[in-house]
N, C-alpha and C. Protein backbone atom coordinates (compact mmCIF):
# COMPACT_ATOMS: atom_id res chain seq x y z
N MET A 1 95.84 102.81 74.04
CA MET A 1 95.38 102.63 75.42
C MET A 1 95.26 104.00 76.07
N THR A 2 94.25 104.13 76.88
CA THR A 2 93.94 105.37 77.57
C THR A 2 94.12 105.18 79.07
N THR A 3 94.49 106.27 79.76
CA THR A 3 94.66 106.22 81.21
C THR A 3 93.38 106.69 81.89
N TYR A 4 93.03 105.99 82.96
CA TYR A 4 91.82 106.28 83.74
C TYR A 4 92.18 106.39 85.21
N MET A 5 91.52 107.32 85.88
CA MET A 5 91.64 107.48 87.32
C MET A 5 90.44 106.79 87.95
N ALA A 6 90.71 105.90 88.88
CA ALA A 6 89.64 105.24 89.62
C ALA A 6 89.71 105.72 91.06
N VAL A 7 88.60 106.22 91.56
CA VAL A 7 88.56 106.67 92.95
C VAL A 7 87.63 105.75 93.73
N PHE A 8 88.10 105.33 94.88
CA PHE A 8 87.34 104.46 95.77
C PHE A 8 86.52 105.36 96.69
N THR A 9 85.22 105.10 96.78
CA THR A 9 84.35 105.94 97.60
C THR A 9 83.77 105.14 98.76
N GLY A 10 83.41 105.86 99.78
CA GLY A 10 82.80 105.23 100.96
C GLY A 10 82.00 106.25 101.73
N THR A 11 80.99 105.77 102.42
CA THR A 11 80.14 106.66 103.21
C THR A 11 80.16 106.24 104.67
N ASN A 12 79.72 107.15 105.51
CA ASN A 12 79.66 106.86 106.95
C ASN A 12 78.70 105.71 107.24
N ALA A 13 77.64 105.58 106.46
CA ALA A 13 76.66 104.52 106.71
C ALA A 13 77.29 103.15 106.52
N ARG A 14 78.04 102.96 105.43
CA ARG A 14 78.71 101.67 105.21
C ARG A 14 79.78 101.45 106.28
N ARG A 15 80.47 102.50 106.66
CA ARG A 15 81.50 102.38 107.69
C ARG A 15 80.88 101.99 109.04
N ALA A 16 79.71 102.52 109.33
CA ALA A 16 79.04 102.18 110.59
C ALA A 16 78.68 100.70 110.63
N GLU A 17 78.27 100.14 109.49
CA GLU A 17 77.98 98.69 109.42
C GLU A 17 79.25 97.90 109.74
N TRP A 18 80.36 98.33 109.19
CA TRP A 18 81.67 97.68 109.41
C TRP A 18 82.05 97.77 110.88
N ASP A 19 81.92 98.97 111.43
CA ASP A 19 82.29 99.18 112.84
C ASP A 19 81.40 98.39 113.79
N ALA A 20 80.18 98.04 113.36
CA ALA A 20 79.27 97.28 114.20
C ALA A 20 79.61 95.79 114.25
N LEU A 21 80.47 95.34 113.35
CA LEU A 21 80.88 93.92 113.37
C LEU A 21 81.69 93.64 114.64
N ASP A 22 81.60 92.41 115.15
CA ASP A 22 82.43 92.08 116.31
C ASP A 22 83.89 92.06 115.86
N ALA A 23 84.79 92.24 116.80
CA ALA A 23 86.22 92.40 116.51
C ALA A 23 86.79 91.22 115.73
N ASP A 24 86.42 90.00 116.06
CA ASP A 24 86.95 88.83 115.36
C ASP A 24 86.48 88.80 113.91
N THR A 25 85.22 89.07 113.68
CA THR A 25 84.69 89.09 112.31
C THR A 25 85.37 90.17 111.50
N ARG A 26 85.52 91.36 112.08
CA ARG A 26 86.17 92.47 111.38
C ARG A 26 87.61 92.11 111.04
N LYS A 27 88.33 91.50 111.97
CA LYS A 27 89.73 91.11 111.73
C LYS A 27 89.81 90.09 110.60
N GLN A 28 88.91 89.12 110.58
CA GLN A 28 88.90 88.12 109.51
C GLN A 28 88.62 88.77 108.16
N ARG A 29 87.67 89.70 108.14
CA ARG A 29 87.35 90.39 106.88
C ARG A 29 88.49 91.29 106.44
N GLU A 30 89.19 91.93 107.39
CA GLU A 30 90.35 92.75 107.04
C GLU A 30 91.42 91.89 106.37
N GLN A 31 91.70 90.73 106.96
CA GLN A 31 92.72 89.84 106.39
C GLN A 31 92.30 89.34 105.02
N ALA A 32 91.05 88.92 104.87
CA ALA A 32 90.55 88.45 103.57
C ALA A 32 90.58 89.58 102.56
N GLY A 33 90.20 90.78 103.00
CA GLY A 33 90.19 91.94 102.10
C GLY A 33 91.56 92.31 101.62
N MET A 34 92.55 92.32 102.52
CA MET A 34 93.91 92.67 102.12
C MET A 34 94.49 91.61 101.16
N GLN A 35 94.18 90.36 101.42
CA GLN A 35 94.64 89.30 100.52
C GLN A 35 93.99 89.47 99.14
N ALA A 36 92.68 89.71 99.11
CA ALA A 36 91.97 89.89 97.85
C ALA A 36 92.45 91.14 97.11
N TRP A 37 92.73 92.22 97.85
CA TRP A 37 93.21 93.46 97.23
C TRP A 37 94.59 93.21 96.61
N GLY A 38 95.46 92.53 97.34
CA GLY A 38 96.78 92.20 96.81
C GLY A 38 96.68 91.34 95.56
N GLN A 39 95.74 90.41 95.56
CA GLN A 39 95.53 89.55 94.39
C GLN A 39 95.02 90.37 93.21
N TRP A 40 94.11 91.32 93.50
CA TRP A 40 93.61 92.20 92.44
C TRP A 40 94.76 93.00 91.83
N MET A 41 95.61 93.53 92.68
CA MET A 41 96.77 94.30 92.19
C MET A 41 97.68 93.42 91.33
N ALA A 42 97.94 92.20 91.77
CA ALA A 42 98.78 91.28 91.01
C ALA A 42 98.12 90.91 89.68
N ASP A 43 96.82 90.62 89.72
CA ASP A 43 96.10 90.24 88.50
C ASP A 43 96.08 91.35 87.47
N HIS A 44 96.11 92.60 87.92
CA HIS A 44 95.99 93.75 87.02
C HIS A 44 97.29 94.56 86.92
N GLN A 45 98.38 93.95 87.30
CA GLN A 45 99.66 94.65 87.30
C GLN A 45 99.97 95.31 85.96
N ALA A 46 99.67 94.62 84.87
CA ALA A 46 99.95 95.17 83.54
C ALA A 46 99.07 96.37 83.21
N ASP A 47 97.93 96.51 83.88
CA ASP A 47 96.99 97.61 83.62
C ASP A 47 97.24 98.82 84.51
N ILE A 48 97.99 98.65 85.59
CA ILE A 48 98.17 99.72 86.58
C ILE A 48 99.26 100.69 86.16
N VAL A 49 98.90 101.97 86.09
CA VAL A 49 99.83 103.05 85.75
C VAL A 49 100.42 103.64 87.02
N ASP A 50 99.57 103.81 88.04
CA ASP A 50 99.97 104.37 89.33
C ASP A 50 99.17 103.61 90.39
N ALA A 51 99.86 102.93 91.29
CA ALA A 51 99.19 102.10 92.30
C ALA A 51 98.38 102.93 93.28
N GLY A 52 98.58 104.23 93.31
CA GLY A 52 97.78 105.10 94.17
C GLY A 52 97.90 104.75 95.62
N GLY A 53 96.80 104.84 96.36
CA GLY A 53 96.79 104.53 97.77
C GLY A 53 95.60 105.17 98.46
N PRO A 54 95.53 105.00 99.78
CA PRO A 54 94.43 105.59 100.53
C PRO A 54 94.57 107.11 100.61
N LEU A 55 93.44 107.77 100.81
CA LEU A 55 93.42 109.23 100.94
C LEU A 55 93.02 109.62 102.36
N GLY A 56 93.61 110.69 102.85
CA GLY A 56 93.33 111.17 104.20
C GLY A 56 92.31 112.28 104.21
N LYS A 57 92.32 113.03 105.30
CA LYS A 57 91.36 114.14 105.48
C LYS A 57 91.53 115.17 104.37
N THR A 58 90.45 115.87 104.08
CA THR A 58 90.41 116.83 102.97
C THR A 58 90.41 118.26 103.49
N ARG A 59 91.18 119.11 102.84
CA ARG A 59 91.11 120.57 103.05
C ARG A 59 90.80 121.17 101.70
N ARG A 60 90.19 122.32 101.71
CA ARG A 60 89.73 122.95 100.48
C ARG A 60 90.28 124.35 100.36
N ALA A 61 90.76 124.70 99.16
CA ALA A 61 91.17 126.07 98.85
C ALA A 61 90.19 126.60 97.81
N GLY A 62 89.59 127.73 98.09
CA GLY A 62 88.62 128.32 97.16
C GLY A 62 88.61 129.83 97.29
N PRO A 63 87.69 130.49 96.60
CA PRO A 63 87.63 131.95 96.62
C PRO A 63 87.46 132.53 98.02
N ASP A 64 86.87 131.74 98.93
CA ASP A 64 86.65 132.21 100.30
C ASP A 64 87.79 131.85 101.24
N GLY A 65 88.87 131.26 100.70
CA GLY A 65 90.01 130.89 101.53
C GLY A 65 90.14 129.39 101.69
N ILE A 66 90.78 129.00 102.76
CA ILE A 66 91.06 127.59 103.02
C ILE A 66 90.16 127.12 104.16
N SER A 67 89.61 125.92 103.98
CA SER A 67 88.70 125.39 105.01
C SER A 67 88.78 123.87 105.04
N ASP A 68 88.31 123.31 106.14
CA ASP A 68 88.15 121.86 106.23
C ASP A 68 86.88 121.49 105.48
N THR A 69 86.85 120.32 104.90
CA THR A 69 85.67 119.84 104.20
C THR A 69 85.69 118.32 104.25
N SER A 70 84.69 117.71 103.70
CA SER A 70 84.68 116.25 103.64
C SER A 70 84.09 115.82 102.31
N ASN A 71 84.43 114.62 101.91
CA ASN A 71 83.87 114.01 100.71
C ASN A 71 83.89 112.50 100.91
N ASN A 72 83.49 111.77 99.93
CA ASN A 72 83.42 110.32 100.03
C ASN A 72 84.63 109.63 99.42
N LEU A 73 85.68 110.36 99.10
CA LEU A 73 86.86 109.76 98.48
C LEU A 73 87.70 109.04 99.53
N ALA A 74 88.04 107.79 99.23
CA ALA A 74 88.80 106.98 100.19
C ALA A 74 90.17 106.57 99.66
N GLY A 75 90.35 106.55 98.34
CA GLY A 75 91.62 106.15 97.75
C GLY A 75 91.55 106.27 96.24
N TYR A 76 92.66 105.95 95.58
CA TYR A 76 92.69 106.04 94.12
C TYR A 76 93.72 105.07 93.54
N VAL A 77 93.58 104.81 92.26
CA VAL A 77 94.54 104.07 91.46
C VAL A 77 94.36 104.54 90.03
N LYS A 78 95.41 104.54 89.24
CA LYS A 78 95.30 104.88 87.82
C LYS A 78 95.59 103.62 87.02
N VAL A 79 94.73 103.37 86.03
CA VAL A 79 94.87 102.19 85.18
C VAL A 79 94.89 102.59 83.72
N ARG A 80 95.32 101.69 82.89
CA ARG A 80 95.32 101.87 81.44
C ARG A 80 94.41 100.80 80.85
N ALA A 81 93.53 101.21 79.93
CA ALA A 81 92.61 100.27 79.31
C ALA A 81 92.28 100.74 77.90
N ALA A 82 91.73 99.83 77.10
CA ALA A 82 91.39 100.13 75.72
C ALA A 82 90.15 101.02 75.60
N SER A 83 89.28 101.00 76.62
CA SER A 83 88.07 101.82 76.59
C SER A 83 87.62 102.11 78.02
N HIS A 84 86.70 103.06 78.13
CA HIS A 84 86.16 103.40 79.44
C HIS A 84 85.44 102.19 80.03
N ASP A 85 84.68 101.48 79.20
CA ASP A 85 83.98 100.29 79.65
C ASP A 85 84.96 99.23 80.14
N ALA A 86 86.05 99.03 79.40
CA ALA A 86 87.06 98.05 79.82
C ALA A 86 87.70 98.47 81.14
N ALA A 87 87.91 99.76 81.31
CA ALA A 87 88.53 100.26 82.55
C ALA A 87 87.62 100.01 83.75
N VAL A 88 86.34 100.34 83.62
CA VAL A 88 85.44 100.17 84.76
C VAL A 88 85.21 98.69 85.06
N ARG A 89 85.27 97.86 84.05
CA ARG A 89 85.09 96.41 84.28
C ARG A 89 86.24 95.81 85.09
N LEU A 90 87.39 96.46 85.11
CA LEU A 90 88.50 96.00 85.94
C LEU A 90 88.11 95.97 87.42
N PHE A 91 87.11 96.78 87.79
CA PHE A 91 86.74 96.95 89.19
C PHE A 91 85.46 96.21 89.59
N GLU A 92 84.91 95.40 88.69
CA GLU A 92 83.74 94.62 89.05
C GLU A 92 84.08 93.73 90.25
N ASN A 93 83.24 93.74 91.25
CA ASN A 93 83.42 92.92 92.46
C ASN A 93 84.74 93.18 93.18
N HIS A 94 85.25 94.39 93.08
CA HIS A 94 86.52 94.75 93.73
C HIS A 94 86.38 94.61 95.25
N PRO A 95 87.44 94.18 95.95
CA PRO A 95 87.37 94.02 97.41
C PRO A 95 87.01 95.30 98.16
N HIS A 96 87.21 96.47 97.55
CA HIS A 96 86.87 97.73 98.22
C HIS A 96 85.41 97.72 98.69
N PHE A 97 84.52 97.15 97.88
CA PHE A 97 83.10 97.10 98.25
C PHE A 97 82.56 95.69 98.42
N SER A 98 83.28 94.67 97.93
CA SER A 98 82.78 93.31 98.09
C SER A 98 83.20 92.70 99.43
N ILE A 99 84.27 93.23 100.04
CA ILE A 99 84.72 92.76 101.35
C ILE A 99 84.79 93.91 102.35
N PHE A 100 85.45 94.99 101.95
CA PHE A 100 85.57 96.17 102.81
C PHE A 100 84.29 96.99 102.75
N PRO A 101 84.15 98.01 103.62
CA PRO A 101 82.89 98.76 103.66
C PRO A 101 82.79 99.89 102.65
N GLY A 102 83.57 99.83 101.57
CA GLY A 102 83.47 100.87 100.55
C GLY A 102 82.17 100.79 99.80
N ASP A 103 81.77 101.90 99.18
CA ASP A 103 80.53 101.96 98.42
C ASP A 103 80.72 101.59 96.96
N ALA A 104 81.77 102.11 96.33
CA ALA A 104 81.91 101.94 94.89
C ALA A 104 83.31 102.35 94.45
N VAL A 105 83.58 102.13 93.17
CA VAL A 105 84.78 102.64 92.53
C VAL A 105 84.30 103.44 91.32
N GLU A 106 84.63 104.70 91.28
CA GLU A 106 84.23 105.57 90.17
C GLU A 106 85.44 105.74 89.26
N VAL A 107 85.22 105.56 87.96
CA VAL A 107 86.31 105.55 86.98
C VAL A 107 86.09 106.65 85.95
N MET A 108 87.11 107.47 85.76
CA MET A 108 87.01 108.55 84.78
C MET A 108 88.28 108.63 83.94
N GLU A 109 88.12 109.04 82.69
CA GLU A 109 89.26 109.17 81.79
C GLU A 109 90.13 110.35 82.20
N CYS A 110 91.44 110.17 82.13
CA CYS A 110 92.39 111.25 82.34
C CYS A 110 92.59 111.92 80.98
N LEU A 111 92.05 113.09 80.83
CA LEU A 111 92.10 113.78 79.54
C LEU A 111 93.40 114.54 79.37
N PRO A 112 93.83 114.72 78.13
CA PRO A 112 95.04 115.50 77.90
C PRO A 112 94.78 116.98 78.19
N ILE A 113 95.81 117.67 78.58
CA ILE A 113 95.72 119.12 78.77
C ILE A 113 95.57 119.77 77.40
N PRO A 114 94.57 120.65 77.22
CA PRO A 114 94.39 121.28 75.91
C PRO A 114 95.63 122.09 75.55
N SER A 115 96.00 122.01 74.29
CA SER A 115 97.16 122.78 73.84
C SER A 115 96.72 124.18 73.45
N LYS A 116 97.66 125.11 73.52
CA LYS A 116 97.37 126.49 73.09
C LYS A 116 97.37 126.51 71.58
N ALA A 117 96.32 127.03 71.02
CA ALA A 117 96.22 127.06 69.55
C ALA A 117 96.69 128.37 68.99
């Protein structure tokens, strides 16, 4: 079994659609989304390596120093699966984008650190 990092992504456009919903509709979708997300976590408990969580504002350190920046990353979870395809299939119809205003879940293999030869 291999470990995969799944990152939840979202854009301002999808968020604007969410924010445009009336308060009652948004509240109902929040409740349905949290219930569905909890069910997803329970259904995949054996596959989850790190439950992860939501991500906050981003700062960047680079050759030019430290600065504020932005990206589309909204959260993460680490899972274990037999293949990359099996890992990404865990997220088909995930509540992040099927109920909440997220765009997608991107899944990548966690590679081992190369050893010194």
